[in-house]
Amino acid sequence: MEWLPNSPDLNPIQLCWKRVKEKLYHRFPNIHKTKGCADTITRHLAEALNVILAQDIEGEFLEKLWESVPRRVAAVFDAKGW
């Protein structure tokens, strides 16, 4: 089966990034106001993302996400690609 790798219907990483963004803005609501040069902003964002990935993205969420792939693929087949 072929599909676009960025299809949100079939690519679980899209849903994972959504969760990371939600958690990031919840834990660090002013992250978008970070000031400084590009290196400073990048370092600050990387530190915040490390916190989110280590503490807020649960293994159970990732497992359920992975287990949902066959169901989502079947739904796309049932919808004839739509």
Protein backbone atom coordinates (compact mmCIF):
# COMPACT_ATOMS: atom_id res chain seq x y z
CA MET A 1 0.00 0.00 0.00
CA GLU A 2 1.26 3.47 -0.84
CA TRP A 3 0.30 6.72 0.83
CA LEU A 4 1.79 10.10 1.47
CA PRO A 5 4.04 10.04 4.55
CA ASN A 6 2.51 13.27 5.83
CA SER A 7 -1.08 12.04 5.69
CA PRO A 8 -2.51 12.72 9.17
CA ASP A 9 -4.94 9.83 8.67
CA LEU A 10 -2.14 7.30 8.41
CA ASN A 11 0.96 8.78 9.95
CA PRO A 12 0.94 8.41 13.74
CA ILE A 13 3.80 10.89 14.15
CA GLN A 14 1.40 13.71 13.18
CA LEU A 15 -0.77 12.91 16.20
CA CYS A 16 2.31 12.62 18.38
CA TRP A 17 3.51 16.08 17.32
CA LYS A 18 0.04 17.43 18.09
CA ARG A 19 0.28 16.04 21.63
CA VAL A 20 3.81 17.43 22.06
CA LYS A 21 2.64 20.91 20.99
CA GLU A 22 -0.33 20.79 23.35
CA LYS A 23 1.85 19.73 26.27
CA LEU A 24 4.53 22.29 25.37
CA TYR A 25 2.10 25.20 25.37
CA HIS A 26 0.43 23.96 28.55
CA ARG A 27 3.68 23.59 30.51
CA PHE A 28 5.50 26.55 28.90
CA PRO A 29 2.71 28.98 27.92
CA ASN A 30 5.13 31.82 27.15
CA ILE A 31 7.58 29.77 25.06
CA HIS A 32 6.63 31.83 22.00
CA LYS A 33 7.91 34.96 23.76
CA THR A 34 11.46 33.64 24.15
CA LYS A 35 13.93 36.39 23.30
CA GLY A 36 17.50 36.22 22.11
CA CYS A 37 19.50 35.10 19.14
CA ALA A 38 18.56 32.03 17.14
CA ASP A 39 20.95 29.84 19.14
CA THR A 40 19.45 30.96 22.45
CA ILE A 41 15.90 30.38 21.26
CA THR A 42 16.83 26.98 19.82
CA ARG A 43 18.54 25.93 23.05
CA HIS A 44 15.60 27.11 25.17
CA LEU A 45 13.10 25.28 22.95
CA ALA A 46 15.23 22.11 22.93
CA GLU A 47 15.36 22.12 26.74
CA ALA A 48 11.58 22.56 26.94
CA LEU A 49 10.99 19.77 24.42
CA ASN A 50 13.28 17.44 26.36
CA VAL A 51 11.16 18.07 29.47
CA ILE A 52 7.96 17.40 27.56
CA LEU A 53 9.23 14.21 25.94
CA ALA A 54 10.67 12.89 29.21
CA GLN A 55 7.79 13.78 31.51
CA ASP A 56 4.58 14.43 29.58
CA ILE A 57 4.43 12.00 26.66
CA GLU A 58 3.32 8.76 28.21
CA GLY A 59 4.37 5.38 26.87
CA GLU A 60 0.73 4.34 27.02
CA PHE A 61 -0.18 7.17 24.63
CA LEU A 62 2.49 6.05 22.16
CA GLU A 63 1.42 2.41 22.44
CA LYS A 64 -2.24 3.26 21.79
CA LEU A 65 -1.21 5.45 18.90
CA TRP A 66 0.76 2.61 17.33
CA GLU A 67 -2.07 0.15 17.91
CA SER A 68 -4.49 2.50 16.14
CA VAL A 69 -2.66 2.30 12.80
CA PRO A 70 -4.47 -0.81 11.46
CA ARG A 71 -7.86 0.67 12.38
CA ARG A 72 -7.04 3.96 10.63
CA VAL A 73 -5.70 2.17 7.55
CA ALA A 74 -8.92 0.11 7.38
CA ALA A 75 -10.99 3.30 7.63
CA VAL A 76 -9.12 4.84 4.71
CA PHE A 77 -9.67 1.67 2.66
CA ASP A 78 -13.37 1.69 3.58
CA ALA A 79 -13.60 5.31 2.48
CA LYS A 80 -11.81 4.44 -0.79
CA GLY A 81 -8.99 6.82 0.01
CA TRP A 82 -11.12 9.67 1.26
